[in-house]
Amino acid sequence: MIKDDFKDGVPMLVKRILLVVISLFIGYVATYLITLLLGTSVEEFWMGTESPIPFPYFILVGFFIAIAAGIWLDKFMGTEILPK
């Protein structure tokens, strides 16, 4: 039974899990590098101080960059998460 799952190559679930892991890695590494290039620190960028409600800037920016990377990786990895 297990051999039948791998006869066509890597199962789709494994490809999709890899897509999520790789895109999250790209998103947060890019956010960290952008933070350093702007001359600030992660602690300073972690929560915004100007707004009355603390807002997790670092988490959200990393997540949105990860989504953009995931869309690109979906095309090249052939995971077919997005409809054609």
PDB file of N, CA and C in Angstrom:
ATOM      1  N   MET A   1       0.815  -1.204   0.000  1.00  0.00           N
ATOM      2  CA  MET A   1       0.000   0.000   0.000  1.00  0.00           C
ATOM      3  C   MET A   1       0.855   1.264   0.000  1.00  0.00           C
ATOM      4  N   ILE A   2       1.863   1.335   0.850  1.00  0.00           N
ATOM      5  CA  ILE A   2       2.686   2.534   0.941  1.00  0.00           C
ATOM      6  C   ILE A   2       3.474   2.728  -0.344  1.00  0.00           C
ATOM      7  N   LYS A   3       3.931   1.646  -0.967  1.00  0.00           N
ATOM      8  CA  LYS A   3       4.677   1.765  -2.222  1.00  0.00           C
ATOM      9  C   LYS A   3       3.816   2.387  -3.315  1.00  0.00           C
ATOM     10  N   ASP A   4       2.499   2.132  -3.293  1.00  0.00           N
ATOM     11  CA  ASP A   4       1.607   2.700  -4.295  1.00  0.00           C
ATOM     12  C   ASP A   4       1.517   4.223  -4.172  1.00  0.00           C
ATOM     13  N   ASP A   5       1.656   4.760  -2.944  1.00  0.00           N
ATOM     14  CA  ASP A   5       1.605   6.211  -2.747  1.00  0.00           C
ATOM     15  C   ASP A   5       2.810   6.898  -3.368  1.00  0.00           C
ATOM     16  N   PHE A   6       3.946   6.208  -3.416  1.00  0.00           N
ATOM     17  CA  PHE A   6       5.179   6.821  -3.893  1.00  0.00           C
ATOM     18  C   PHE A   6       5.529   6.455  -5.335  1.00  0.00           C
ATOM     19  N   LYS A   7       4.665   5.723  -6.026  1.00  0.00           N
ATOM     20  CA  LYS A   7       5.017   5.299  -7.379  1.00  0.00           C
ATOM     21  C   LYS A   7       5.062   6.472  -8.363  1.00  0.00           C
ATOM     22  N   ASP A   8       4.310   7.555  -8.085  1.00  0.00           N
ATOM     23  CA  ASP A   8       4.312   8.720  -8.964  1.00  0.00           C
ATOM     24  C   ASP A   8       5.250   9.821  -8.460  1.00  0.00           C
ATOM     25  N   GLY A   9       6.104   9.525  -7.525  1.00  0.00           N
ATOM     26  CA  GLY A   9       7.005  10.534  -6.971  1.00  0.00           C
ATOM     27  C   GLY A   9       6.586  10.924  -5.571  1.00  0.00           C
ATOM     28  N   VAL A  10       6.830  12.166  -5.225  1.00  0.00           N
ATOM     29  CA  VAL A  10       6.523  12.674  -3.895  1.00  0.00           C
ATOM     30  C   VAL A  10       5.018  12.915  -3.772  1.00  0.00           C
ATOM     31  N   PRO A  11       4.387  12.427  -2.694  1.00  0.00           N
ATOM     32  CA  PRO A  11       2.953  12.672  -2.522  1.00  0.00           C
ATOM     33  C   PRO A  11       2.644  14.170  -2.413  1.00  0.00           C
ATOM     34  N   MET A  12       1.451  14.543  -2.823  1.00  0.00           N
ATOM     35  CA  MET A  12       1.047  15.954  -2.849  1.00  0.00           C
ATOM     36  C   MET A  12       1.069  16.568  -1.451  1.00  0.00           C
ATOM     37  N   LEU A  13       0.687  15.809  -0.429  1.00  0.00           N
ATOM     38  CA  LEU A  13       0.679  16.341   0.936  1.00  0.00           C
ATOM     39  C   LEU A  13       2.083  16.746   1.374  1.00  0.00           C
ATOM     40  N   VAL A  14       3.079  15.950   1.025  1.00  0.00           N
ATOM     41  CA  VAL A  14       4.462  16.266   1.379  1.00  0.00           C
ATOM     42  C   VAL A  14       4.903  17.530   0.645  1.00  0.00           C
ATOM     43  N   LYS A  15       4.532  17.669  -0.620  1.00  0.00           N
ATOM     44  CA  LYS A  15       4.871  18.874  -1.384  1.00  0.00           C
ATOM     45  C   LYS A  15       4.243  20.114  -0.760  1.00  0.00           C
ATOM     46  N   ARG A  16       3.012  20.004  -0.329  1.00  0.00           N
ATOM     47  CA  ARG A  16       2.316  21.156   0.242  1.00  0.00           C
ATOM     48  C   ARG A  16       2.885  21.531   1.605  1.00  0.00           C
ATOM     49  N   ILE A  17       3.254  20.546   2.406  1.00  0.00           N
ATOM     50  CA  ILE A  17       3.885  20.837   3.689  1.00  0.00           C
ATOM     51  C   ILE A  17       5.232  21.509   3.470  1.00  0.00           C
ATOM     52  N   LEU A  18       6.007  21.024   2.502  1.00  0.00           N
ATOM     53  CA  LEU A  18       7.275  21.672   2.165  1.00  0.00           C
ATOM     54  C   LEU A  18       7.061  23.106   1.682  1.00  0.00           C
ATOM     55  N   LEU A  19       6.029  23.335   0.898  1.00  0.00           N
ATOM     56  CA  LEU A  19       5.723  24.676   0.422  1.00  0.00           C
ATOM     57  C   LEU A  19       5.466  25.623   1.588  1.00  0.00           C
ATOM     58  N   VAL A  20       4.697  25.182   2.566  1.00  0.00           N
ATOM     59  CA  VAL A  20       4.386  26.029   3.726  1.00  0.00           C
ATOM     60  C   VAL A  20       5.642  26.310   4.538  1.00  0.00           C
ATOM     61  N   VAL A  21       6.445  25.287   4.794  1.00  0.00           N
ATOM     62  CA  VAL A  21       7.657  25.453   5.597  1.00  0.00           C
ATOM     63  C   VAL A  21       8.650  26.381   4.894  1.00  0.00           C
ATOM     64  N   ILE A  22       8.872  26.161   3.613  1.00  0.00           N
ATOM     65  CA  ILE A  22       9.827  26.984   2.867  1.00  0.00           C
ATOM     66  C   ILE A  22       9.344  28.429   2.765  1.00  0.00           C
ATOM     67  N   SER A  23       8.056  28.631   2.503  1.00  0.00           N
ATOM     68  CA  SER A  23       7.561  30.003   2.364  1.00  0.00           C
ATOM     69  C   SER A  23       7.590  30.747   3.700  1.00  0.00           C
ATOM     70  N   LEU A  24       7.288  30.074   4.821  1.00  0.00           N
ATOM     71  CA  LEU A  24       7.394  30.725   6.124  1.00  0.00           C
ATOM     72  C   LEU A  24       8.845  31.085   6.429  1.00  0.00           C
ATOM     73  N   PHE A  25       9.755  30.206   6.088  1.00  0.00           N
ATOM     74  CA  PHE A  25      11.178  30.487   6.299  1.00  0.00           C
ATOM     75  C   PHE A  25      11.604  31.714   5.491  1.00  0.00           C
ATOM     76  N   ILE A  26      11.232  31.743   4.217  1.00  0.00           N
ATOM     77  CA  ILE A  26      11.575  32.884   3.360  1.00  0.00           C
ATOM     78  C   ILE A  26      10.950  34.166   3.911  1.00  0.00           C
ATOM     79  N   GLY A  27       9.700  34.099   4.331  1.00  0.00           N
ATOM     80  CA  GLY A  27       9.010  35.283   4.829  1.00  0.00           C
ATOM     81  C   GLY A  27       9.665  35.889   6.054  1.00  0.00           C
ATOM     82  N   TYR A  28      10.010  35.055   7.028  1.00  0.00           N
ATOM     83  CA  TYR A  28      10.572  35.596   8.263  1.00  0.00           C
ATOM     84  C   TYR A  28      12.046  35.957   8.124  1.00  0.00           C
ATOM     85  N   VAL A  29      12.784  35.263   7.289  1.00  0.00           N
ATOM     86  CA  VAL A  29      14.174  35.659   7.039  1.00  0.00           C
ATOM     87  C   VAL A  29      14.193  36.988   6.287  1.00  0.00           C
ATOM     88  N   ALA A  30      13.314  37.137   5.305  1.00  0.00           N
ATOM     89  CA  ALA A  30      13.250  38.402   4.560  1.00  0.00           C
ATOM     90  C   ALA A  30      12.845  39.546   5.485  1.00  0.00           C
ATOM     91  N   THR A  31      11.898  39.315   6.366  1.00  0.00           N
ATOM     92  CA  THR A  31      11.484  40.351   7.312  1.00  0.00           C
ATOM     93  C   THR A  31      12.618  40.731   8.248  1.00  0.00           C
ATOM     94  N   TYR A  32      13.367  39.748   8.698  1.00  0.00           N
ATOM     95  CA  TYR A  32      14.507  40.017   9.572  1.00  0.00           C
ATOM     96  C   TYR A  32      15.564  40.846   8.842  1.00  0.00           C
ATOM     97  N   LEU A  33      15.864  40.479   7.600  1.00  0.00           N
ATOM     98  CA  LEU A  33      16.856  41.227   6.824  1.00  0.00           C
ATOM     99  C   LEU A  33      16.389  42.646   6.515  1.00  0.00           C
ATOM    100  N   ILE A  34      15.120  42.799   6.201  1.00  0.00           N
ATOM    101  CA  ILE A  34      14.576  44.136   5.957  1.00  0.00           C
ATOM    102  C   ILE A  34      14.663  44.980   7.225  1.00  0.00           C
ATOM    103  N   THR A  35      14.371  44.372   8.363  1.00  0.00           N
ATOM    104  CA  THR A  35      14.468  45.079   9.637  1.00  0.00           C
ATOM    105  C   THR A  35      15.887  45.566   9.876  1.00  0.00           C
ATOM    106  N   LEU A  36      16.869  44.722   9.601  1.00  0.00           N
ATOM    107  CA  LEU A  36      18.260  45.134   9.778  1.00  0.00           C
ATOM    108  C   LEU A  36      18.665  46.213   8.784  1.00  0.00           C
ATOM    109  N   LEU A  37      18.198  46.101   7.533  1.00  0.00           N
ATOM    110  CA  LEU A  37      18.530  47.104   6.520  1.00  0.00           C
ATOM    111  C   LEU A  37      17.931  48.474   6.838  1.00  0.00           C
ATOM    112  N   LEU A  38      16.809  48.490   7.525  1.00  0.00           N
ATOM    113  CA  LEU A  38      16.188  49.757   7.902  1.00  0.00           C
ATOM    114  C   LEU A  38      16.866  50.396   9.112  1.00  0.00           C
ATOM    115  N   GLY A  39      17.809  49.700   9.700  1.00  0.00           N
ATOM    116  CA  GLY A  39      18.543  50.253  10.831  1.00  0.00           C
ATOM    117  C   GLY A  39      17.805  50.170  12.149  1.00  0.00           C
ATOM    118  N   THR A  40      16.921  49.235  12.277  1.00  0.00           N
ATOM    119  CA  THR A  40      16.186  49.052  13.523  1.00  0.00           C
ATOM    120  C   THR A  40      16.453  47.648  14.058  1.00  0.00           C
ATOM    121  N   SER A  41      15.830  47.295  15.135  1.00  0.00           N
ATOM    122  CA  SER A  41      16.015  45.959  15.706  1.00  0.00           C
ATOM    123  C   SER A  41      14.679  45.226  15.706  1.00  0.00           C
ATOM    124  N   VAL A  42      14.759  43.939  15.908  1.00  0.00           N
ATOM    125  CA  VAL A  42      13.540  43.127  15.937  1.00  0.00           C
ATOM    126  C   VAL A  42      12.691  43.521  17.150  1.00  0.00           C
ATOM    127  N   GLU A  43      13.328  43.817  18.266  1.00  0.00           N
ATOM    128  CA  GLU A  43      12.584  44.213  19.466  1.00  0.00           C
ATOM    129  C   GLU A  43      11.802  45.508  19.228  1.00  0.00           C
ATOM    130  N   GLU A  44      12.415  46.423  18.489  1.00  0.00           N
ATOM    131  CA  GLU A  44      11.762  47.684  18.184  1.00  0.00           C
ATOM    132  C   GLU A  44      10.625  47.496  17.180  1.00  0.00           C
ATOM    133  N   PHE A  45      10.801  46.586  16.237  1.00  0.00           N
ATOM    134  CA  PHE A  45       9.816  46.352  15.177  1.00  0.00           C
ATOM    135  C   PHE A  45       8.770  45.322  15.582  1.00  0.00           C
ATOM    136  N   TRP A  46       8.993  44.628  16.681  1.00  0.00           N
ATOM    137  CA  TRP A  46       8.093  43.538  17.087  1.00  0.00           C
ATOM    138  C   TRP A  46       6.676  44.050  17.313  1.00  0.00           C
ATOM    139  N   MET A  47       6.536  45.093  18.127  1.00  0.00           N
ATOM    140  CA  MET A  47       5.231  45.691  18.401  1.00  0.00           C
ATOM    141  C   MET A  47       5.301  47.174  18.100  1.00  0.00           C
ATOM    142  N   GLY A  48       4.292  47.685  17.449  1.00  0.00           N
ATOM    143  CA  GLY A  48       4.264  49.110  17.157  1.00  0.00           C
ATOM    144  C   GLY A  48       3.959  49.914  18.411  1.00  0.00           C
ATOM    145  N   THR A  49       4.663  50.992  18.590  1.00  0.00           N
ATOM    146  CA  THR A  49       4.459  51.807  19.791  1.00  0.00           C
ATOM    147  C   THR A  49       3.563  53.010  19.529  1.00  0.00           C
ATOM    148  N   GLU A  50       3.329  53.363  18.276  1.00  0.00           N
ATOM    149  CA  GLU A  50       2.551  54.562  17.966  1.00  0.00           C
ATOM    150  C   GLU A  50       1.045  54.368  18.152  1.00  0.00           C
ATOM    151  N   SER A  51       0.566  53.164  17.970  1.00  0.00           N
ATOM    152  CA  SER A  51      -0.873  52.937  18.030  1.00  0.00           C
ATOM    153  C   SER A  51      -1.304  52.652  19.468  1.00  0.00           C
ATOM    154  N   PRO A  52      -2.549  52.959  19.787  1.00  0.00           N
ATOM    155  CA  PRO A  52      -3.036  52.679  21.150  1.00  0.00           C
ATOM    156  C   PRO A  52      -3.164  51.172  21.426  1.00  0.00           C
ATOM    157  N   ILE A  53      -3.305  50.383  20.361  1.00  0.00           N
ATOM    158  CA  ILE A  53      -3.399  48.931  20.514  1.00  0.00           C
ATOM    159  C   ILE A  53      -2.093  48.330  20.010  1.00  0.00           C
ATOM    160  N   PRO A  54      -1.402  47.534  20.829  1.00  0.00           N
ATOM    161  CA  PRO A  54      -0.148  46.921  20.352  1.00  0.00           C
ATOM    162  C   PRO A  54      -0.422  46.002  19.159  1.00  0.00           C
ATOM    163  N   PHE A  55       0.351  46.172  18.113  1.00  0.00           N
ATOM    164  CA  PHE A  55       0.125  45.453  16.862  1.00  0.00           C
ATOM    165  C   PHE A  55       1.402  44.694  16.503  1.00  0.00           C
ATOM    166  N   PRO A  56       1.335  43.404  16.305  1.00  0.00           N
ATOM    167  CA  PRO A  56       2.556  42.610  16.038  1.00  0.00           C
ATOM    168  C   PRO A  56       3.061  42.785  14.606  1.00  0.00           C
ATOM    169  N   TYR A  57       3.799  43.853  14.359  1.00  0.00           N
ATOM    170  CA  TYR A  57       4.264  44.163  13.006  1.00  0.00           C
ATOM    171  C   TYR A  57       5.151  43.068  12.424  1.00  0.00           C
ATOM    172  N   PHE A  58       6.120  42.613  13.190  1.00  0.00           N
ATOM    173  CA  PHE A  58       7.073  41.629  12.675  1.00  0.00           C
ATOM    174  C   PHE A  58       6.368  40.347  12.245  1.00  0.00           C
ATOM    175  N   ILE A  59       5.438  39.887  13.047  1.00  0.00           N
ATOM    176  CA  ILE A  59       4.713  38.644  12.737  1.00  0.00           C
ATOM    177  C   ILE A  59       3.875  38.810  11.466  1.00  0.00           C
ATOM    178  N   LEU A  60       3.159  39.928  11.368  1.00  0.00           N
ATOM    179  CA  LEU A  60       2.281  40.117  10.217  1.00  0.00           C
ATOM    180  C   LEU A  60       3.055  40.363   8.926  1.00  0.00           C
ATOM    181  N   VAL A  61       4.111  41.163   8.986  1.00  0.00           N
ATOM    182  CA  VAL A  61       4.898  41.411   7.778  1.00  0.00           C
ATOM    183  C   VAL A  61       5.540  40.110   7.296  1.00  0.00           C
ATOM    184  N   GLY A  62       6.088  39.328   8.225  1.00  0.00           N
ATOM    185  CA  GLY A  62       6.677  38.038   7.846  1.00  0.00           C
ATOM    186  C   GLY A  62       5.648  37.102   7.233  1.00  0.00           C
ATOM    187  N   PHE A  63       4.442  37.117   7.788  1.00  0.00           N
ATOM    188  CA  PHE A  63       3.379  36.248   7.270  1.00  0.00           C
ATOM    189  C   PHE A  63       2.970  36.657   5.857  1.00  0.00           C
ATOM    190  N   PHE A  64       2.854  37.972   5.607  1.00  0.00           N
ATOM    191  CA  PHE A  64       2.440  38.424   4.276  1.00  0.00           C
ATOM    192  C   PHE A  64       3.532  38.200   3.229  1.00  0.00           C
ATOM    193  N   ILE A  65       4.780  38.339   3.612  1.00  0.00           N
ATOM    194  CA  ILE A  65       5.865  38.008   2.682  1.00  0.00           C
ATOM    195  C   ILE A  65       5.869  36.504   2.420  1.00  0.00           C
ATOM    196  N   ALA A  66       5.560  35.707   3.439  1.00  0.00           N
ATOM    197  CA  ALA A  66       5.478  34.260   3.260  1.00  0.00           C
ATOM    198  C   ALA A  66       4.341  33.880   2.310  1.00  0.00           C
ATOM    199  N   ILE A  67       3.230  34.580   2.378  1.00  0.00           N
ATOM    200  CA  ILE A  67       2.125  34.308   1.453  1.00  0.00           C
ATOM    201  C   ILE A  67       2.556  34.602   0.013  1.00  0.00           C
ATOM    202  N   ALA A  68       3.243  35.723  -0.188  1.00  0.00           N
ATOM    203  CA  ALA A  68       3.720  36.064  -1.533  1.00  0.00           C
ATOM    204  C   ALA A  68       4.713  35.009  -2.036  1.00  0.00           C
ATOM    205  N   ALA A  69       5.610  34.567  -1.162  1.00  0.00           N
ATOM    206  CA  ALA A  69       6.563  33.526  -1.549  1.00  0.00           C
ATOM    207  C   ALA A  69       5.832  32.213  -1.822  1.00  0.00           C
ATOM    208  N   GLY A  70       4.793  31.930  -1.060  1.00  0.00           N
ATOM    209  CA  GLY A  70       4.017  30.706  -1.262  1.00  0.00           C
ATOM    210  C   GLY A  70       3.301  30.676  -2.596  1.00  0.00           C
ATOM    211  N   ILE A  71       2.811  31.828  -3.031  1.00  0.00           N
ATOM    212  CA  ILE A  71       2.151  31.899  -4.345  1.00  0.00           C
ATOM    213  C   ILE A  71       3.152  31.587  -5.450  1.00  0.00           C
ATOM    214  N   TRP A  72       4.342  32.142  -5.331  1.00  0.00           N
ATOM    215  CA  TRP A  72       5.386  31.853  -6.321  1.00  0.00           C
ATOM    216  C   TRP A  72       5.798  30.390  -6.283  1.00  0.00           C
ATOM    217  N   LEU A  73       6.016  29.875  -5.094  1.00  0.00           N
ATOM    218  CA  LEU A  73       6.444  28.483  -4.972  1.00  0.00           C
ATOM    219  C   LEU A  73       5.366  27.513  -5.449  1.00  0.00           C
ATOM    220  N   ASP A  74       4.105  27.882  -5.282  1.00  0.00           N
ATOM    221  CA  ASP A  74       3.012  27.036  -5.760  1.00  0.00           C
ATOM    222  C   ASP A  74       3.125  26.811  -7.260  1.00  0.00           C
ATOM    223  N   LYS A  75       3.474  27.840  -7.969  1.00  0.00           N
ATOM    224  CA  LYS A  75       3.629  27.734  -9.432  1.00  0.00           C
ATOM    225  C   LYS A  75       4.776  26.789  -9.790  1.00  0.00           C
ATOM    226  N   PHE A  76       5.921  26.955  -9.123  1.00  0.00           N
ATOM    227  CA  PHE A  76       7.105  26.189  -9.500  1.00  0.00           C
ATOM    228  C   PHE A  76       7.138  24.779  -8.919  1.00  0.00           C
ATOM    229  N   MET A  77       6.500  24.562  -7.769  1.00  0.00           N
ATOM    230  CA  MET A  77       6.488  23.236  -7.165  1.00  0.00           C
ATOM    231  C   MET A  77       5.341  22.369  -7.679  1.00  0.00           C
ATOM    232  N   GLY A  78       4.360  22.991  -8.324  1.00  0.00           N
ATOM    233  CA  GLY A  78       3.255  22.228  -8.880  1.00  0.00           C
ATOM    234  C   GLY A  78       2.325  21.653  -7.821  1.00  0.00           C
ATOM    235  N   THR A  79       2.110  22.385  -6.721  1.00  0.00           N
ATOM    236  CA  THR A  79       1.259  21.875  -5.654  1.00  0.00           C
ATOM    237  C   THR A  79      -0.222  22.117  -5.924  1.00  0.00           C
ATOM    238  N   GLU A  80      -0.528  22.999  -6.861  1.00  0.00           N
ATOM    239  CA  GLU A  80      -1.915  23.275  -7.292  1.00  0.00           C
ATOM    240  C   GLU A  80      -2.820  23.679  -6.138  1.00  0.00           C
ATOM    241  N   ILE A  81      -2.301  24.515  -5.213  1.00  0.00           N
ATOM    242  CA  ILE A  81      -3.141  25.028  -4.132  1.00  0.00           C
ATOM    243  C   ILE A  81      -4.080  26.095  -4.672  1.00  0.00           C
ATOM    244  N   LEU A  82      -3.535  26.962  -5.527  1.00  0.00           N
ATOM    245  CA  LEU A  82      -4.355  28.005  -6.132  1.00  0.00           C
ATOM    246  C   LEU A  82      -5.040  27.471  -7.387  1.00  0.00           C
ATOM    247  N   PRO A  83      -6.303  27.871  -7.614  1.00  0.00           N
ATOM    248  CA  PRO A  83      -6.983  27.402  -8.820  1.00  0.00           C
ATOM    249  C   PRO A  83      -6.369  28.029 -10.063  1.00  0.00           C
ATOM    250  N   LYS A  84      -6.517  27.333 -11.163  1.00  0.00           N
ATOM    251  CA  LYS A  84      -5.970  27.837 -12.439  1.00  0.00           C
ATOM    252  C   LYS A  84      -6.867  28.854 -13.057  1.00  0.00           C
TER     253      LYS A  84
END
